[in-house]
């Protein structure tokens, strides 16, 4: 019994000495097993990543037809110098690293031994304190990706020498923003790199040439026979049949659901009708004269 106790005590002492300046096995720091690594080694690597993130931001490498890089800074100046937009914030990473390292190293011999034995049953997990401003990051990504990715283009009717023809659809590109945000969260919380690579996926058009071709004869008849008039308060605007035919489309789904392209109609009304009939309301204005509040400019609905 005495020999066994001596061997056990000696084993504990040797084990503690072997890991005196190292993390104990099964200690997990932000998802990374750091057992056997020195405190200085881990802290230096984390500090380097944090410095790069805070100075240069997080790099999002977009792999698409035209590859590019989006930078998400820790913070940026808004529309005015006094407005600062924060995208992410890294808290006291040194304290988290120290907490992971100290597990099994601090306390009396019984506390240390208990913690070390507990690692045989379950790992000890420590996370870095990182805060993400998801709405700000999402807004930045939507703006930057819209300028970099080619959108899908629906098939449409267009003018041609023969009258009306079908311009076929074009496949576009898109990314799953929710997955990108999850990736950003994972990269920032691990503090192992300042780079995330994302792959754009093909984005099919909603309206295909195959859906429009059966309507070609109808569109041709419309271009020859019809004219659309829009009238409001003695103000008139007209759309030729040829133009109207290029506005035709169908809703995606089973069957044929003929529709007018809203973007074309809204653009036409904005250019030809709205400027004539738009009449904004006007607030009344008042002034004090001889102690009496008078309306100086009448309001108008």
C-alpha atoms as a PDB file:
ATOM      1  CA  UNK A   1       0.000   0.000   0.000  1.00  0.00           C
ATOM      2  CA  UNK A   2       2.796   2.374   0.879  1.00  0.00           C
ATOM      3  CA  UNK A   3       4.594   1.537  -2.364  1.00  0.00           C
ATOM      4  CA  UNK A   4       1.416   2.132  -4.421  1.00  0.00           C
ATOM      5  CA  UNK A   5       0.779   5.455  -2.677  1.00  0.00           C
ATOM      6  CA  UNK A   6       4.356   6.490  -3.314  1.00  0.00           C
ATOM      7  CA  UNK A   7       4.131   5.559  -6.980  1.00  0.00           C
ATOM      8  CA  UNK A   8       0.831   7.433  -7.356  1.00  0.00           C
ATOM      9  CA  UNK A   9       2.241  10.517  -5.635  1.00  0.00           C
ATOM     10  CA  UNK A  10       5.341  10.390  -7.791  1.00  0.00           C
ATOM     11  CA  UNK A  11       3.200  10.030 -10.911  1.00  0.00           C
ATOM     12  CA  UNK A  12       1.148  13.096  -9.983  1.00  0.00           C
ATOM     13  CA  UNK A  13       4.300  15.118  -9.337  1.00  0.00           C
ATOM     14  CA  UNK A  14       5.857  14.076 -12.661  1.00  0.00           C
ATOM     15  CA  UNK A  15       2.595  14.799 -14.495  1.00  0.00           C
ATOM     16  CA  UNK A  16       2.346  18.276 -12.963  1.00  0.00           C
ATOM     17  CA  UNK A  17       5.969  19.036 -13.786  1.00  0.00           C
ATOM     18  CA  UNK A  18       5.485  17.907 -17.385  1.00  0.00           C
ATOM     19  CA  UNK A  19       2.612  20.398 -17.757  1.00  0.00           C
ATOM     20  CA  UNK A  20       3.968  23.073 -15.429  1.00  0.00           C
ATOM     21  CA  UNK A  21       4.125  25.664 -18.237  1.00  0.00           C
ATOM     22  CA  UNK A  22       1.638  23.994 -20.572  1.00  0.00           C
ATOM     23  CA  UNK A  23      -2.099  23.577 -20.890  1.00  0.00           C
ATOM     24  CA  UNK A  24      -3.376  20.299 -19.548  1.00  0.00           C
ATOM     25  CA  UNK A  25      -4.765  17.729 -22.008  1.00  0.00           C
ATOM     26  CA  UNK A  26      -8.457  18.118 -22.970  1.00  0.00           C
ATOM     27  CA  UNK A  27      -8.452  21.852 -22.307  1.00  0.00           C
ATOM     28  CA  UNK A  28     -10.367  23.426 -25.227  1.00  0.00           C
ATOM     29  CA  UNK A  29      -9.922  27.136 -25.978  1.00  0.00           C
ATOM     30  CA  UNK A  30     -12.562  28.509 -28.398  1.00  0.00           C
ATOM     31  CA  UNK A  31     -13.036  25.094 -29.971  1.00  0.00           C
ATOM     32  CA  UNK A  32      -9.286  24.377 -30.314  1.00  0.00           C
ATOM     33  CA  UNK A  33      -7.565  21.678 -28.216  1.00  0.00           C
ATOM     34  CA  UNK A  34      -4.549  23.403 -26.660  1.00  0.00           C
ATOM     35  CA  UNK A  35      -3.311  20.584 -24.408  1.00  0.00           C
ATOM     36  CA  UNK A  36       0.469  20.363 -24.377  1.00  0.00           C
ATOM     37  CA  UNK A  37       0.965  23.871 -25.776  1.00  0.00           C
ATOM     38  CA  UNK A  38       2.642  26.585 -23.748  1.00  0.00           C
ATOM     39  CA  UNK A  39       0.734  29.584 -22.464  1.00  0.00           C
ATOM     40  CA  UNK A  40       3.107  31.988 -24.215  1.00  0.00           C
ATOM     41  CA  UNK A  41       2.749  30.156 -27.542  1.00  0.00           C
ATOM     42  CA  UNK A  42      -1.052  30.240 -27.528  1.00  0.00           C
ATOM     43  CA  UNK A  43      -1.312  33.809 -26.243  1.00  0.00           C
ATOM     44  CA  UNK A  44       1.175  35.120 -28.832  1.00  0.00           C
ATOM     45  CA  UNK A  45      -0.769  33.506 -31.672  1.00  0.00           C
ATOM     46  CA  UNK A  46      -4.109  34.833 -30.419  1.00  0.00           C
ATOM     47  CA  UNK A  47      -2.682  38.316 -29.821  1.00  0.00           C
ATOM     48  CA  UNK A  48      -1.352  38.450 -33.402  1.00  0.00           C
ATOM     49  CA  UNK A  49      -4.758  37.552 -34.874  1.00  0.00           C
ATOM     50  CA  UNK A  50      -6.535  40.097 -32.660  1.00  0.00           C
ATOM     51  CA  UNK A  51      -4.134  42.861 -33.699  1.00  0.00           C
ATOM     52  CA  UNK A  52      -4.705  42.088 -37.388  1.00  0.00           C
ATOM     53  CA  UNK A  53      -8.492  41.961 -36.930  1.00  0.00           C
ATOM     54  CA  UNK A  54      -8.577  45.278 -35.090  1.00  0.00           C
ATOM     55  CA  UNK A  55      -6.240  47.026 -37.553  1.00  0.00           C
ATOM     56  CA  UNK A  56      -7.214  45.501 -40.906  1.00  0.00           C
ATOM     57  CA  UNK A  57     -10.581  43.899 -40.205  1.00  0.00           C
ATOM     58  CA  UNK A  58     -11.938  40.524 -41.254  1.00  0.00           C
ATOM     59  CA  UNK A  59     -11.289  39.562 -44.892  1.00  0.00           C
ATOM     60  CA  UNK A  60     -14.157  37.877 -46.725  1.00  0.00           C
ATOM     61  CA  UNK A  61     -12.754  36.253 -49.879  1.00  0.00           C
ATOM     62  CA  UNK A  62     -15.623  35.885 -52.355  1.00  0.00           C
ATOM     63  CA  UNK A  63     -15.061  33.165 -54.932  1.00  0.00           C
ATOM     64  CA  UNK A  64     -17.269  33.965 -57.930  1.00  0.00           C
ATOM     65  CA  UNK A  65     -16.923  34.653 -61.665  1.00  0.00           C
ATOM     66  CA  UNK A  66     -15.144  37.832 -60.625  1.00  0.00           C
ATOM     67  CA  UNK A  67     -13.425  37.023 -57.332  1.00  0.00           C
ATOM     68  CA  UNK A  68     -13.041  39.838 -54.816  1.00  0.00           C
ATOM     69  CA  UNK A  69     -12.451  40.596 -51.152  1.00  0.00           C
ATOM     70  CA  UNK A  70     -14.794  42.336 -48.723  1.00  0.00           C
ATOM     71  CA  UNK A  71     -13.344  43.884 -45.564  1.00  0.00           C
ATOM     72  CA  UNK A  72     -15.426  43.958 -42.392  1.00  0.00           C
ATOM     73  CA  UNK A  73     -13.717  46.406 -40.012  1.00  0.00           C
ATOM     74  CA  UNK A  74     -14.073  46.265 -36.267  1.00  0.00           C
ATOM     75  CA  UNK A  75     -15.664  49.705 -36.590  1.00  0.00           C
ATOM     76  CA  UNK A  76     -15.962  52.513 -39.118  1.00  0.00           C
ATOM     77  CA  UNK A  77     -16.993  56.164 -39.240  1.00  0.00           C
ATOM     78  CA  UNK A  78     -20.597  56.793 -40.255  1.00  0.00           C
ATOM     79  CA  UNK A  79     -22.017  59.600 -42.358  1.00  0.00           C
ATOM     80  CA  UNK A  80     -20.594  62.143 -39.925  1.00  0.00           C
ATOM     81  CA  UNK A  81     -17.300  61.953 -37.974  1.00  0.00           C
ATOM     82  CA  UNK A  82     -19.121  61.754 -34.642  1.00  0.00           C
ATOM     83  CA  UNK A  83     -21.024  58.609 -35.667  1.00  0.00           C
ATOM     84  CA  UNK A  84     -19.130  55.321 -35.321  1.00  0.00           C
ATOM     85  CA  UNK A  85     -20.550  52.058 -36.656  1.00  0.00           C
ATOM     86  CA  UNK A  86     -19.313  49.014 -34.727  1.00  0.00           C
ATOM     87  CA  UNK A  87     -19.281  45.626 -36.496  1.00  0.00           C
ATOM     88  CA  UNK A  88     -17.560  43.433 -33.908  1.00  0.00           C
ATOM     89  CA  UNK A  89     -15.776  43.816 -30.601  1.00  0.00           C
ATOM     90  CA  UNK A  90     -13.172  41.496 -29.068  1.00  0.00           C
ATOM     91  CA  UNK A  91     -13.177  41.451 -25.288  1.00  0.00           C
ATOM     92  CA  UNK A  92     -10.454  40.421 -22.832  1.00  0.00           C
ATOM     93  CA  UNK A  93      -8.962  37.500 -24.767  1.00  0.00           C
ATOM     94  CA  UNK A  94      -5.920  37.403 -22.464  1.00  0.00           C
ATOM     95  CA  UNK A  95      -8.131  36.713 -19.450  1.00  0.00           C
ATOM     96  CA  UNK A  96      -9.867  33.892 -21.331  1.00  0.00           C
ATOM     97  CA  UNK A  97      -6.528  32.376 -22.313  1.00  0.00           C
ATOM     98  CA  UNK A  98      -5.312  32.656 -18.723  1.00  0.00           C
ATOM     99  CA  UNK A  99      -8.523  31.020 -17.459  1.00  0.00           C
ATOM    100  CA  UNK A 100      -7.979  28.033 -19.761  1.00  0.00           C
ATOM    101  CA  UNK A 101      -4.328  27.742 -18.759  1.00  0.00           C
ATOM    102  CA  UNK A 102      -4.956  27.950 -15.023  1.00  0.00           C
ATOM    103  CA  UNK A 103      -7.358  25.017 -15.008  1.00  0.00           C
ATOM    104  CA  UNK A 104      -5.564  22.252 -13.127  1.00  0.00           C
ATOM    105  CA  UNK A 105      -2.704  24.601 -12.180  1.00  0.00           C
ATOM    106  CA  UNK A 106      -4.148  26.629  -9.311  1.00  0.00           C
ATOM    107  CA  UNK A 107      -5.334  25.732  -5.824  1.00  0.00           C
ATOM    108  CA  UNK A 108      -3.970  23.260  -3.322  1.00  0.00           C
ATOM    109  CA  UNK A 109      -2.814  19.787  -4.312  1.00  0.00           C
ATOM    110  CA  UNK A 110      -6.294  18.294  -3.820  1.00  0.00           C
ATOM    111  CA  UNK A 111      -7.999  20.969  -5.937  1.00  0.00           C
ATOM    112  CA  UNK A 112      -5.432  20.589  -8.705  1.00  0.00           C
ATOM    113  CA  UNK A 113      -5.657  16.805  -8.634  1.00  0.00           C
ATOM    114  CA  UNK A 114      -9.474  16.942  -8.721  1.00  0.00           C
ATOM    115  CA  UNK A 115      -9.450  19.267 -11.765  1.00  0.00           C
ATOM    116  CA  UNK A 116      -6.885  17.102 -13.557  1.00  0.00           C
ATOM    117  CA  UNK A 117      -8.877  13.908 -12.927  1.00  0.00           C
ATOM    118  CA  UNK A 118     -12.080  15.646 -14.042  1.00  0.00           C
ATOM    119  CA  UNK A 119     -10.441  16.264 -17.434  1.00  0.00           C
ATOM    120  CA  UNK A 120     -10.463  12.472 -17.915  1.00  0.00           C
ATOM    121  CA  UNK A 121     -14.269  12.590 -17.742  1.00  0.00           C
ATOM    122  CA  UNK A 122     -15.000  15.742 -19.736  1.00  0.00           C
ATOM    123  CA  UNK A 123     -12.981  18.490 -21.442  1.00  0.00           C
ATOM    124  CA  UNK A 124     -12.719  21.998 -19.995  1.00  0.00           C
ATOM    125  CA  UNK A 125     -14.151  24.565 -22.414  1.00  0.00           C
ATOM    126  CA  UNK A 126     -13.384  28.285 -22.518  1.00  0.00           C
ATOM    127  CA  UNK A 127     -14.728  30.755 -25.089  1.00  0.00           C
ATOM    128  CA  UNK A 128     -13.329  34.130 -26.128  1.00  0.00           C
ATOM    129  CA  UNK A 129     -15.549  37.145 -25.314  1.00  0.00           C
ATOM    130  CA  UNK A 130     -16.488  38.380 -28.805  1.00  0.00           C
ATOM    131  CA  UNK A 131     -19.529  40.514 -29.639  1.00  0.00           C
ATOM    132  CA  UNK A 132     -20.958  40.622 -33.173  1.00  0.00           C
ATOM    133  CA  UNK A 133     -23.246  43.400 -34.441  1.00  0.00           C
ATOM    134  CA  UNK A 134     -25.137  41.152 -36.851  1.00  0.00           C
ATOM    135  CA  UNK A 135     -27.512  43.789 -38.339  1.00  0.00           C
ATOM    136  CA  UNK A 136     -24.561  46.065 -39.212  1.00  0.00           C
ATOM    137  CA  UNK A 137     -22.552  43.170 -40.700  1.00  0.00           C
ATOM    138  CA  UNK A 138     -25.562  41.960 -42.712  1.00  0.00           C
ATOM    139  CA  UNK A 139     -26.177  45.454 -44.079  1.00  0.00           C
ATOM    140  CA  UNK A 140     -22.523  45.827 -45.122  1.00  0.00           C
ATOM    141  CA  UNK A 141     -22.491  42.401 -46.808  1.00  0.00           C
ATOM    142  CA  UNK A 142     -25.731  43.031 -48.696  1.00  0.00           C
ATOM    143  CA  UNK A 143     -24.366  46.313 -50.031  1.00  0.00           C
ATOM    144  CA  UNK A 144     -20.979  44.929 -51.018  1.00  0.00           C
ATOM    145  CA  UNK A 145     -22.242  41.649 -52.493  1.00  0.00           C
ATOM    146  CA  UNK A 146     -24.861  43.387 -54.627  1.00  0.00           C
ATOM    147  CA  UNK A 147     -22.030  45.313 -56.305  1.00  0.00           C
ATOM    148  CA  UNK A 148     -19.884  42.196 -56.832  1.00  0.00           C
ATOM    149  CA  UNK A 149     -22.246  39.364 -57.757  1.00  0.00           C
ATOM    150  CA  UNK A 150     -23.986  39.156 -61.106  1.00  0.00           C
ATOM    151  CA  UNK A 151     -27.761  38.996 -60.566  1.00  0.00           C
ATOM    152  CA  UNK A 152     -29.892  36.481 -62.452  1.00  0.00           C
ATOM    153  CA  UNK A 153     -31.763  38.023 -65.389  1.00  0.00           C
ATOM    154  CA  UNK A 154     -35.207  36.801 -66.321  1.00  0.00           C
ATOM    155  CA  UNK A 155     -36.130  36.083 -69.915  1.00  0.00           C
ATOM    156  CA  UNK A 156     -38.138  38.909 -71.444  1.00  0.00           C
ATOM    157  CA  UNK A 157     -39.793  40.082 -74.609  1.00  0.00           C
ATOM    158  CA  UNK A 158     -37.731  42.616 -76.546  1.00  0.00           C
ATOM    159  CA  UNK A 159     -38.089  44.609 -79.769  1.00  0.00           C
ATOM    160  CA  UNK A 160     -36.538  43.070 -82.858  1.00  0.00           C
ATOM    161  CA  UNK A 161     -36.466  43.631 -86.613  1.00  0.00           C
ATOM    162  CA  UNK A 162     -39.348  41.190 -86.884  1.00  0.00           C
ATOM    163  CA  UNK A 163     -41.327  42.945 -84.142  1.00  0.00           C
ATOM    164  CA  UNK A 164     -41.132  40.999 -80.862  1.00  0.00           C
ATOM    165  CA  UNK A 165     -38.563  38.362 -79.828  1.00  0.00           C
ATOM    166  CA  UNK A 166     -37.597  36.512 -76.652  1.00  0.00           C
ATOM    167  CA  UNK A 167     -34.327  37.440 -74.935  1.00  0.00           C
ATOM    168  CA  UNK A 168     -33.388  34.349 -72.968  1.00  0.00           C
ATOM    169  CA  UNK A 169     -32.551  34.289 -69.273  1.00  0.00           C
ATOM    170  CA  UNK A 170     -29.093  34.553 -67.754  1.00  0.00           C
ATOM    171  CA  UNK A 171     -27.924  32.622 -64.700  1.00  0.00           C
ATOM    172  CA  UNK A 172     -26.726  34.813 -61.844  1.00  0.00           C
ATOM    173  CA  UNK A 173     -24.778  34.413 -58.604  1.00  0.00           C
ATOM    174  CA  UNK A 174     -25.784  34.543 -54.975  1.00  0.00           C
ATOM    175  CA  UNK A 175     -24.580  33.574 -51.516  1.00  0.00           C
ATOM    176  CA  UNK A 176     -26.431  32.292 -48.473  1.00  0.00           C
ATOM    177  CA  UNK A 177     -26.111  35.274 -46.117  1.00  0.00           C
ATOM    178  CA  UNK A 178     -27.158  33.266 -43.059  1.00  0.00           C
ATOM    179  CA  UNK A 179     -24.353  30.753 -43.681  1.00  0.00           C
ATOM    180  CA  UNK A 180     -21.875  33.577 -44.238  1.00  0.00           C
ATOM    181  CA  UNK A 181     -22.887  35.175 -40.934  1.00  0.00           C
ATOM    182  CA  UNK A 182     -22.452  31.816 -39.199  1.00  0.00           C
ATOM    183  CA  UNK A 183     -18.981  31.540 -40.759  1.00  0.00           C
ATOM    184  CA  UNK A 184     -18.065  35.053 -39.624  1.00  0.00           C
ATOM    185  CA  UNK A 185     -19.205  34.239 -36.097  1.00  0.00           C
ATOM    186  CA  UNK A 186     -17.132  31.039 -36.082  1.00  0.00           C
ATOM    187  CA  UNK A 187     -13.989  32.774 -37.395  1.00  0.00           C
ATOM    188  CA  UNK A 188     -14.191  35.682 -34.956  1.00  0.00           C
ATOM    189  CA  UNK A 189     -14.966  33.530 -31.928  1.00  0.00           C
ATOM    190  CA  UNK A 190     -12.066  31.180 -32.648  1.00  0.00           C
ATOM    191  CA  UNK A 191      -9.475  33.977 -33.160  1.00  0.00           C
ATOM    192  CA  UNK A 192      -7.333  31.693 -35.313  1.00  0.00           C
ATOM    193  CA  UNK A 193      -7.430  33.667 -38.561  1.00  0.00           C
ATOM    194  CA  UNK A 194      -8.660  36.956 -40.015  1.00  0.00           C
ATOM    195  CA  UNK A 195      -9.905  35.413 -43.265  1.00  0.00           C
ATOM    196  CA  UNK A 196     -13.083  33.647 -44.376  1.00  0.00           C
ATOM    197  CA  UNK A 197     -13.613  32.192 -47.836  1.00  0.00           C
ATOM    198  CA  UNK A 198     -17.115  31.984 -49.291  1.00  0.00           C
ATOM    199  CA  UNK A 199     -18.228  30.435 -52.559  1.00  0.00           C
ATOM    200  CA  UNK A 200     -20.949  32.019 -54.683  1.00  0.00           C
ATOM    201  CA  UNK A 201     -23.602  29.636 -55.972  1.00  0.00           C
ATOM    202  CA  UNK A 202     -25.512  29.722 -59.251  1.00  0.00           C
ATOM    203  CA  UNK A 203     -28.782  31.617 -59.067  1.00  0.00           C
ATOM    204  CA  UNK A 204     -31.329  30.518 -61.717  1.00  0.00           C
ATOM    205  CA  UNK A 205     -33.691  33.006 -63.284  1.00  0.00           C
ATOM    206  CA  UNK A 206     -37.340  32.856 -62.201  1.00  0.00           C
ATOM    207  CA  UNK A 207     -38.670  33.381 -65.758  1.00  0.00           C
ATOM    208  CA  UNK A 208     -37.174  31.340 -68.585  1.00  0.00           C
ATOM    209  CA  UNK A 209     -37.362  31.660 -72.334  1.00  0.00           C
ATOM    210  CA  UNK A 210     -39.165  28.328 -72.427  1.00  0.00           C
ATOM    211  CA  UNK A 211     -41.961  29.892 -70.378  1.00  0.00           C
ATOM    212  CA  UNK A 212     -42.279  32.929 -72.680  1.00  0.00           C
ATOM    213  CA  UNK A 213     -41.964  31.331 -76.107  1.00  0.00           C
ATOM    214  CA  UNK A 214     -45.554  29.959 -76.155  1.00  0.00           C
ATOM    215  CA  UNK A 215     -46.756  33.582 -75.750  1.00  0.00           C
ATOM    216  CA  UNK A 216     -44.707  34.987 -78.631  1.00  0.00           C
ATOM    217  CA  UNK A 217     -47.635  35.050 -81.076  1.00  0.00           C
ATOM    218  CA  UNK A 218     -49.851  36.740 -78.480  1.00  0.00           C
ATOM    219  CA  UNK A 219     -47.148  39.347 -77.787  1.00  0.00           C
ATOM    220  CA  UNK A 220     -46.793  39.994 -81.536  1.00  0.00           C
ATOM    221  CA  UNK A 221     -50.548  40.557 -81.931  1.00  0.00           C
ATOM    222  CA  UNK A 222     -50.512  42.892 -78.921  1.00  0.00           C
ATOM    223  CA  UNK A 223     -47.665  44.912 -80.408  1.00  0.00           C
ATOM    224  CA  UNK A 224     -49.661  45.364 -83.660  1.00  0.00           C
ATOM    225  CA  UNK A 225     -53.159  45.966 -82.286  1.00  0.00           C
ATOM    226  CA  UNK A 226     -53.147  47.559 -78.857  1.00  0.00           C
ATOM    227  CA  UNK A 227     -52.370  50.879 -77.214  1.00  0.00           C
ATOM    228  CA  UNK A 228     -52.604  51.661 -73.513  1.00  0.00           C
ATOM    229  CA  UNK A 229     -53.807  55.045 -72.316  1.00  0.00           C
ATOM    230  CA  UNK A 230     -53.309  56.392 -68.812  1.00  0.00           C
ATOM    231  CA  UNK A 231     -55.447  59.373 -67.870  1.00  0.00           C
ATOM    232  CA  UNK A 232     -55.569  61.415 -64.710  1.00  0.00           C
ATOM    233  CA  UNK A 233     -57.217  64.821 -64.268  1.00  0.00           C
ATOM    234  CA  UNK A 234     -56.969  65.742 -67.967  1.00  0.00           C
ATOM    235  CA  UNK A 235     -53.394  64.500 -68.132  1.00  0.00           C
ATOM    236  CA  UNK A 236     -52.794  61.676 -70.614  1.00  0.00           C
ATOM    237  CA  UNK A 237     -49.955  59.294 -71.384  1.00  0.00           C
ATOM    238  CA  UNK A 238     -49.895  56.504 -73.934  1.00  0.00           C
ATOM    239  CA  UNK A 239     -47.975  53.266 -74.317  1.00  0.00           C
ATOM    240  CA  UNK A 240     -47.614  51.763 -77.780  1.00  0.00           C
ATOM    241  CA  UNK A 241     -48.479  48.125 -78.348  1.00  0.00           C
ATOM    242  CA  UNK A 242     -44.841  47.402 -79.178  1.00  0.00           C
ATOM    243  CA  UNK A 243     -43.711  48.825 -75.837  1.00  0.00           C
ATOM    244  CA  UNK A 244     -46.560  47.159 -73.984  1.00  0.00           C
ATOM    245  CA  UNK A 245     -45.605  43.770 -75.431  1.00  0.00           C
ATOM    246  CA  UNK A 246     -42.101  44.116 -73.928  1.00  0.00           C
ATOM    247  CA  UNK A 247     -43.745  44.534 -70.527  1.00  0.00           C
ATOM    248  CA  UNK A 248     -45.397  41.110 -70.707  1.00  0.00           C
ATOM    249  CA  UNK A 249     -44.186  38.320 -68.453  1.00  0.00           C
ATOM    250  CA  UNK A 250     -45.561  35.313 -66.615  1.00  0.00           C
ATOM    251  CA  UNK A 251     -45.523  34.283 -62.999  1.00  0.00           C
ATOM    252  CA  UNK A 252     -43.258  31.328 -62.208  1.00  0.00           C
ATOM    253  CA  UNK A 253     -45.165  28.163 -61.369  1.00  0.00           C
ATOM    254  CA  UNK A 254     -47.593  25.751 -63.038  1.00  0.00           C
ATOM    255  CA  UNK A 255     -49.804  27.020 -65.843  1.00  0.00           C
ATOM    256  CA  UNK A 256     -49.647  30.362 -67.602  1.00  0.00           C
ATOM    257  CA  UNK A 257     -50.270  33.397 -65.413  1.00  0.00           C
ATOM    258  CA  UNK A 258     -49.865  36.431 -67.643  1.00  0.00           C
ATOM    259  CA  UNK A 259     -48.622  39.576 -65.905  1.00  0.00           C
ATOM    260  CA  UNK A 260     -47.286  43.042 -66.580  1.00  0.00           C
ATOM    261  CA  UNK A 261     -43.747  43.683 -65.343  1.00  0.00           C
ATOM    262  CA  UNK A 262     -44.139  46.063 -62.431  1.00  0.00           C
ATOM    263  CA  UNK A 263     -40.642  47.523 -62.852  1.00  0.00           C
ATOM    264  CA  UNK A 264     -41.434  48.573 -66.423  1.00  0.00           C
ATOM    265  CA  UNK A 265     -44.802  50.071 -65.480  1.00  0.00           C
ATOM    266  CA  UNK A 266     -43.420  51.946 -62.471  1.00  0.00           C
ATOM    267  CA  UNK A 267     -40.540  53.323 -64.540  1.00  0.00           C
ATOM    268  CA  UNK A 268     -42.946  54.520 -67.244  1.00  0.00           C
ATOM    269  CA  UNK A 269     -45.293  56.202 -64.754  1.00  0.00           C
ATOM    270  CA  UNK A 270     -42.358  57.867 -62.992  1.00  0.00           C
ATOM    271  CA  UNK A 271     -41.008  59.298 -66.251  1.00  0.00           C
ATOM    272  CA  UNK A 272     -44.209  60.340 -67.980  1.00  0.00           C
ATOM    273  CA  UNK A 273     -47.025  60.738 -65.459  1.00  0.00           C
ATOM    274  CA  UNK A 274     -45.771  61.404 -61.941  1.00  0.00           C
ATOM    275  CA  UNK A 275     -43.902  64.579 -62.883  1.00  0.00           C
ATOM    276  CA  UNK A 276     -47.142  66.080 -64.212  1.00  0.00           C
ATOM    277  CA  UNK A 277     -49.501  65.218 -61.380  1.00  0.00           C
ATOM    278  CA  UNK A 278     -47.322  65.011 -58.261  1.00  0.00           C
ATOM    279  CA  UNK A 279     -48.434  67.764 -55.900  1.00  0.00           C
ATOM    280  CA  UNK A 280     -46.887  67.517 -52.465  1.00  0.00           C
ATOM    281  CA  UNK A 281     -48.787  68.845 -49.429  1.00  0.00           C
ATOM    282  CA  UNK A 282     -47.578  72.052 -47.794  1.00  0.00           C
ATOM    283  CA  UNK A 283     -47.643  72.879 -44.085  1.00  0.00           C
ATOM    284  CA  UNK A 284     -49.041  76.134 -42.837  1.00  0.00           C
ATOM    285  CA  UNK A 285     -46.615  78.720 -41.464  1.00  0.00           C
ATOM    286  CA  UNK A 286     -47.318  81.042 -38.574  1.00  0.00           C
ATOM    287  CA  UNK A 287     -45.829  84.179 -37.042  1.00  0.00           C
ATOM    288  CA  UNK A 288     -46.510  86.316 -33.970  1.00  0.00           C
ATOM    289  CA  UNK A 289     -47.632  89.840 -34.832  1.00  0.00           C
ATOM    290  CA  UNK A 290     -48.661  92.298 -32.131  1.00  0.00           C
ATOM    291  CA  UNK A 291     -49.107  89.396 -29.730  1.00  0.00           C
ATOM    292  CA  UNK A 292     -51.376  87.489 -32.111  1.00  0.00           C
ATOM    293  CA  UNK A 293     -50.469  84.199 -33.870  1.00  0.00           C
ATOM    294  CA  UNK A 294     -51.249  84.604 -37.561  1.00  0.00           C
ATOM    295  CA  UNK A 295     -51.070  82.177 -40.469  1.00  0.00           C
ATOM    296  CA  UNK A 296     -48.588  83.683 -42.933  1.00  0.00           C
ATOM    297  CA  UNK A 297     -48.546  80.847 -45.462  1.00  0.00           C
ATOM    298  CA  UNK A 298     -51.710  78.757 -45.852  1.00  0.00           C
ATOM    299  CA  UNK A 299     -51.450  74.998 -45.848  1.00  0.00           C
ATOM    300  CA  UNK A 300     -52.356  72.947 -48.888  1.00  0.00           C
ATOM    301  CA  UNK A 301     -53.480  69.282 -49.072  1.00  0.00           C
END
